[in-house]
Amino acid sequence: MTDPLAPGLYIVATPIGNLGDLSPRAADILSRADLIAAEDTRVTAKLLRHIGAERPMTPYHDHNADRVRPGLIERMRSEAIALVSDAGTPMISDPGFKLVRDARAAGAHIVTIPGPSAAIAALTLAGLPTDRFLFIGFLPSKEKAKADAIAEVAAIRASLVLYESGPRLGATLAALAKGLGERDGAVAREISKAFEECVTGTLAELAERYAEQGPKGEIVIVVGPPGEAPPPQVDDLDALLREALERLPVAKAAKEVAAATGLDRHDLYNRALELKA
């Protein structure tokens, strides 16, 4: 006989397309949970049928979360509650973080069952730098708010990952091209499904491609990091060195400017000596 799950909250990642991506551990948790809190119970019911399970479910989404959450927290004291979103990892552009926050405050046992995430999957397809990346979810729909949101992240030296819908794709790519300049990008859609596709190019090229009509399906945009900043001009370097020399000895001034500009410290030291002379 299978042992019952310990009471608490189980955060379960579910497939983003291919049902075969559901991990055996996730299937086991869903099959044994006392209750499944689902973003859409109809979607989760299909997943349960796939694994041959039938469990009690309750809707948990942005529109009812404040009302439903206290009851779920109370039930966690004696029951195993599984949290799922429609697809992928809960709380990545989905409701749920307040449930985890309040469950932790109540002393509940919390476990995560990791698995698919469209943002991470798109990064693996895009062929863009992955050592540093920033997930920014969905951009605002209004033009001014969208431009402001893009400006906030323009200088961040990391790849950007965002979600978008087909009808808004062309406008969003155009806004990204305008706000970020000539960067490389990728549009991934239908990840793990039969018609999986990843189209790459500059942001301007992608905006032109999808200007008329956006594709169907779930879409992830990946934008490469900004290029290296141009090296400071001689006049700029001299200004930096003179300012540093007012506060520091020659060697330390050269070291400070080297750290700020990435230029060779020995070259800067020699230039600082010339300026000081």
Protein backbone atom coordinates (compact mmCIF):
# COMPACT_ATOMS: atom_id res chain seq x y z
CA MET A 1 0.00 0.00 0.00
CA THR A 2 1.36 3.43 -0.95
CA ASP A 3 2.19 5.66 1.99
CA PRO A 4 0.15 8.88 2.15
CA LEU A 5 1.88 12.15 1.37
CA ALA A 6 2.93 14.28 4.31
CA PRO A 7 0.64 17.28 4.86
CA GLY A 8 1.77 20.49 3.20
CA LEU A 9 2.07 22.25 -0.15
CA TYR A 10 3.49 20.52 -3.22
CA ILE A 11 4.41 22.82 -6.13
CA VAL A 12 4.16 20.64 -9.24
CA ALA A 13 5.51 21.59 -12.68
CA THR A 14 3.41 20.21 -15.54
CA PRO A 15 4.11 19.84 -19.30
CA ILE A 16 4.07 22.91 -21.55
CA GLY A 17 2.93 20.81 -24.50
CA ASN A 18 4.07 17.23 -24.72
CA LEU A 19 2.40 15.21 -21.96
CA GLY A 20 5.36 12.84 -22.01
CA ASP A 21 7.38 15.57 -20.26
CA LEU A 22 5.50 15.02 -16.98
CA SER A 23 8.04 13.53 -14.60
CA PRO A 24 7.29 10.26 -12.79
CA ARG A 25 7.63 12.11 -9.49
CA ALA A 26 5.12 14.77 -10.56
CA ALA A 27 2.68 12.07 -11.68
CA ASP A 28 3.08 10.30 -8.34
CA ILE A 29 2.42 13.48 -6.35
CA LEU A 30 -0.66 14.36 -8.40
CA SER A 31 -1.99 10.82 -8.04
CA ARG A 32 -1.71 10.93 -4.25
CA ALA A 33 -2.51 14.56 -3.36
CA ASP A 34 -5.56 15.07 -1.15
CA LEU A 35 -6.45 18.16 -3.20
CA ILE A 36 -5.10 19.83 -6.36
CA ALA A 37 -5.30 23.62 -6.56
CA ALA A 38 -5.42 24.27 -10.31
CA GLU A 39 -5.38 27.40 -12.43
CA ASP A 40 -8.03 25.77 -14.66
CA THR A 41 -9.48 22.46 -13.44
CA ARG A 42 -10.52 21.52 -16.99
CA VAL A 43 -6.89 21.63 -18.16
CA THR A 44 -5.68 19.70 -15.14
CA ALA A 45 -8.44 17.10 -15.59
CA LYS A 46 -6.96 16.21 -18.99
CA LEU A 47 -3.56 15.71 -17.39
CA LEU A 48 -5.04 13.50 -14.67
CA ARG A 49 -6.79 11.38 -17.30
CA HIS A 50 -3.43 10.98 -19.07
CA ILE A 51 -1.88 9.43 -15.95
CA GLY A 52 -5.01 7.49 -15.05
CA ALA A 53 -5.71 9.40 -11.84
CA GLU A 54 -8.77 11.05 -10.39
CA ARG A 55 -8.31 13.49 -7.55
CA PRO A 56 -10.33 16.31 -5.97
CA MET A 57 -9.58 19.71 -7.47
CA THR A 58 -10.35 23.31 -6.68
CA PRO A 59 -9.78 26.41 -8.84
CA TYR A 60 -6.98 28.71 -7.69
CA HIS A 61 -6.26 31.73 -9.90
CA ASP A 62 -5.89 35.52 -9.81
CA HIS A 63 -9.63 36.12 -9.58
CA ASN A 64 -10.36 33.96 -6.53
CA ALA A 65 -6.97 33.63 -4.80
CA ASP A 66 -7.63 36.04 -1.93
CA ARG A 67 -10.86 34.25 -1.08
CA VAL A 68 -9.61 30.68 -1.51
CA ARG A 69 -6.12 30.99 -0.05
CA PRO A 70 -6.99 30.97 3.72
CA GLY A 71 -8.92 27.72 3.32
CA LEU A 72 -6.03 26.07 1.48
CA ILE A 73 -3.57 27.16 4.16
CA GLU A 74 -5.80 25.64 6.83
CA ARG A 75 -6.13 22.35 4.94
CA MET A 76 -2.36 22.08 4.57
CA ARG A 77 -2.15 21.39 8.29
CA SER A 78 -3.60 17.93 7.76
CA GLU A 79 -3.70 17.35 3.98
CA ALA A 80 -1.32 17.29 1.02
CA ILE A 81 -2.24 20.14 -1.35
CA ALA A 82 -0.72 20.16 -4.86
CA LEU A 83 -0.46 23.46 -6.76
CA VAL A 84 -0.38 23.40 -10.57
CA SER A 85 -0.69 25.96 -13.34
CA ASP A 86 -2.14 25.30 -16.78
CA ALA A 87 1.33 24.57 -18.15
CA GLY A 88 4.89 24.72 -16.91
CA THR A 89 6.15 25.71 -13.49
CA PRO A 90 3.69 27.44 -11.13
CA MET A 91 4.42 31.06 -10.27
CA ILE A 92 6.47 31.74 -13.42
CA SER A 93 4.09 34.33 -14.89
CA ASP A 94 1.27 32.48 -13.13
CA PRO A 95 -0.55 33.01 -9.82
CA GLY A 96 0.74 31.31 -6.70
CA PHE A 97 3.53 33.17 -4.90
CA LYS A 98 1.17 34.50 -2.21
CA LEU A 99 0.07 30.96 -1.45
CA VAL A 100 3.70 29.92 -0.91
CA ARG A 101 4.40 33.04 1.15
CA ASP A 102 1.40 32.49 3.44
CA ALA A 103 2.02 28.74 3.65
CA ARG A 104 5.58 29.41 4.78
CA ALA A 105 4.36 31.95 7.33
CA ALA A 106 1.94 29.34 8.68
CA GLY A 107 4.76 26.84 9.08
CA ALA A 108 3.53 24.48 6.36
CA HIS A 109 5.76 21.83 4.82
CA ILE A 110 6.59 23.04 1.26
CA VAL A 111 8.06 20.91 -1.52
CA THR A 112 8.76 21.77 -5.16
CA ILE A 113 8.62 19.18 -7.92
CA PRO A 114 10.61 20.85 -10.73
CA GLY A 115 9.98 20.35 -14.39
CA PRO A 116 9.16 22.18 -17.64
CA SER A 117 9.38 25.96 -18.00
CA ALA A 118 8.80 27.70 -21.33
CA ALA A 119 11.30 30.46 -20.46
CA ILE A 120 14.15 28.02 -19.80
CA ALA A 121 13.23 25.83 -22.79
CA ALA A 122 13.31 28.86 -25.11
CA LEU A 123 16.75 29.84 -23.84
CA THR A 124 18.05 26.41 -24.81
CA LEU A 125 16.68 26.84 -28.35
CA ALA A 126 17.67 30.45 -29.02
CA GLY A 127 21.45 30.12 -29.30
CA LEU A 128 21.94 33.34 -27.33
CA PRO A 129 24.04 33.87 -24.18
CA THR A 130 22.62 32.07 -21.16
CA ASP A 131 25.22 32.86 -18.49
CA ARG A 132 23.05 35.80 -17.39
CA PHE A 133 19.39 36.28 -18.24
CA LEU A 134 16.40 38.23 -16.98
CA PHE A 135 12.82 36.98 -17.24
CA ILE A 136 10.40 39.90 -17.58
CA GLY A 137 7.11 38.09 -18.22
CA PHE A 138 4.59 39.94 -20.40
CA LEU A 139 5.22 43.56 -21.38
CA PRO A 140 2.37 46.05 -20.88
CA SER A 141 -0.09 46.34 -23.75
CA LYS A 142 -0.22 50.15 -23.91
CA GLU A 143 2.47 51.67 -26.14
CA LYS A 144 3.86 54.21 -23.63
CA ALA A 145 3.96 51.71 -20.76
CA LYS A 146 5.60 49.13 -23.01
CA ALA A 147 8.30 51.60 -24.10
CA ASP A 148 8.96 52.56 -20.48
CA ALA A 149 9.28 48.91 -19.44
CA ILE A 150 11.76 48.26 -22.25
CA ALA A 151 13.80 51.34 -21.30
CA GLU A 152 14.10 50.03 -17.74
CA VAL A 153 15.94 46.90 -18.90
CA ALA A 154 17.81 48.31 -21.91
CA ALA A 155 21.17 48.67 -20.15
CA ILE A 156 21.10 45.32 -18.34
CA ARG A 157 23.96 43.15 -19.59
CA ALA A 158 21.96 39.94 -19.86
CA SER A 159 19.70 38.13 -22.28
CA LEU A 160 16.05 39.05 -21.86
CA VAL A 161 13.22 36.50 -21.87
CA LEU A 162 9.57 37.44 -22.22
CA TYR A 163 6.23 35.91 -23.09
CA GLU A 164 3.88 37.21 -25.78
CA SER A 165 0.70 36.30 -27.63
CA GLY A 166 0.46 35.89 -31.41
CA PRO A 167 -1.68 38.98 -32.13
CA ARG A 168 0.69 41.26 -30.18
CA LEU A 169 3.96 39.72 -31.37
CA GLY A 170 4.74 42.07 -34.27
CA ALA A 171 4.10 45.24 -32.26
CA THR A 172 6.15 43.97 -29.33
CA LEU A 173 9.11 43.06 -31.56
CA ALA A 174 8.94 46.50 -33.18
CA ALA A 175 8.94 48.15 -29.75
CA LEU A 176 11.91 46.03 -28.68
CA ALA A 177 13.82 46.93 -31.85
CA LYS A 178 13.13 50.61 -31.28
CA GLY A 179 14.03 50.56 -27.59
CA LEU A 180 16.99 48.16 -27.63
CA GLY A 181 18.56 48.73 -31.04
CA GLU A 182 20.21 46.19 -33.32
CA ARG A 183 20.26 43.15 -31.07
CA ASP A 184 19.90 39.49 -31.92
CA GLY A 185 16.69 37.79 -30.94
CA ALA A 186 14.68 34.60 -31.20
CA VAL A 187 10.99 33.78 -31.32
CA ALA A 188 10.18 30.32 -29.99
CA ARG A 189 6.68 28.88 -30.12
CA GLU A 190 4.80 25.65 -29.57
CA ILE A 191 7.74 24.34 -27.55
CA SER A 192 7.66 20.53 -27.14
CA LYS A 193 4.66 20.27 -29.47
CA ALA A 194 4.43 18.87 -33.01
CA PHE A 195 5.01 22.25 -34.67
CA GLU A 196 7.79 23.54 -32.44
CA GLU A 197 9.62 26.42 -34.10
CA CYS A 198 12.43 28.82 -33.21
CA VAL A 199 13.09 31.70 -35.62
CA THR A 200 16.21 33.81 -35.10
CA GLY A 201 17.46 37.13 -36.47
CA THR A 202 17.87 40.74 -35.44
CA LEU A 203 14.96 42.34 -33.63
CA ALA A 204 14.26 44.47 -36.72
CA GLU A 205 14.21 41.40 -38.97
CA LEU A 206 11.90 39.55 -36.61
CA ALA A 207 9.59 42.57 -36.31
CA GLU A 208 9.32 42.73 -40.10
CA ARG A 209 8.65 38.99 -40.36
CA TYR A 210 5.76 39.11 -37.90
CA ALA A 211 4.44 42.59 -38.77
CA GLU A 212 1.41 41.40 -40.70
CA GLN A 213 0.25 38.40 -38.72
CA GLY A 214 1.57 36.72 -35.61
CA PRO A 215 1.80 32.94 -35.38
CA LYS A 216 -0.52 30.84 -33.27
CA GLY A 217 0.51 29.12 -30.08
CA GLU A 218 2.41 30.01 -26.93
CA ILE A 219 5.33 32.35 -27.74
CA VAL A 220 8.58 33.16 -25.98
CA ILE A 221 10.86 36.00 -27.14
CA VAL A 222 14.56 35.88 -26.26
CA VAL A 223 16.70 39.00 -26.79
CA GLY A 224 20.49 38.93 -26.68
CA PRO A 225 22.42 41.24 -24.33
CA PRO A 226 23.66 44.65 -25.47
CA GLY A 227 27.00 44.80 -27.28
CA GLU A 228 30.16 46.05 -25.68
CA ALA A 229 30.21 49.79 -25.04
CA PRO A 230 32.67 51.70 -27.24
CA PRO A 231 35.94 52.50 -25.47
CA PRO A 232 36.22 56.00 -24.00
CA GLN A 233 37.82 58.65 -26.20
CA VAL A 234 41.21 60.12 -25.29
CA ASP A 235 39.66 63.36 -24.02
CA ASP A 236 37.28 61.35 -21.84
CA LEU A 237 40.13 59.27 -20.44
CA ASP A 238 42.16 62.35 -19.62
CA ALA A 239 39.18 63.82 -17.79
CA LEU A 240 38.73 60.63 -15.79
CA LEU A 241 42.42 60.48 -14.93
CA ARG A 242 42.61 64.16 -13.93
CA GLU A 243 39.63 63.76 -11.63
CA ALA A 244 41.14 60.64 -10.05
CA LEU A 245 44.54 62.31 -9.67
CA GLU A 246 42.98 65.07 -7.59
CA ARG A 247 42.11 62.43 -4.99
CA LEU A 248 44.63 59.64 -5.42
CA PRO A 249 48.30 58.91 -6.12
CA VAL A 250 49.19 58.02 -9.71
CA ALA A 251 49.11 54.23 -9.30
CA LYS A 252 45.77 54.20 -7.51
CA ALA A 253 44.25 56.67 -9.96
CA ALA A 254 45.29 54.45 -12.88
CA LYS A 255 43.87 51.40 -11.10
CA GLU A 256 40.54 53.14 -10.47
CA VAL A 257 40.15 54.28 -14.10
CA ALA A 258 41.20 50.83 -15.36
CA ALA A 259 38.47 49.22 -13.26
CA ALA A 260 35.89 51.70 -14.59
CA THR A 261 36.86 51.42 -18.27
CA GLY A 262 38.36 47.96 -18.65
CA LEU A 263 41.50 49.45 -20.20
CA ASP A 264 45.07 48.40 -19.45
CA ARG A 265 46.25 49.72 -16.10
CA HIS A 266 49.87 50.10 -17.19
CA ASP A 267 48.90 52.25 -20.19
CA LEU A 268 46.74 54.38 -17.94
CA TYR A 269 49.55 54.68 -15.40
CA ASN A 270 51.90 56.04 -18.08
CA ARG A 271 49.26 58.49 -19.27
CA ALA A 272 48.62 59.60 -15.70
CA LEU A 273 52.33 60.32 -15.26
CA GLU A 274 52.24 62.48 -18.40
CA LEU A 275 49.23 64.41 -17.14
CA LYS A 276 50.71 64.90 -13.70
CA ALA A 277 53.95 66.19 -15.24
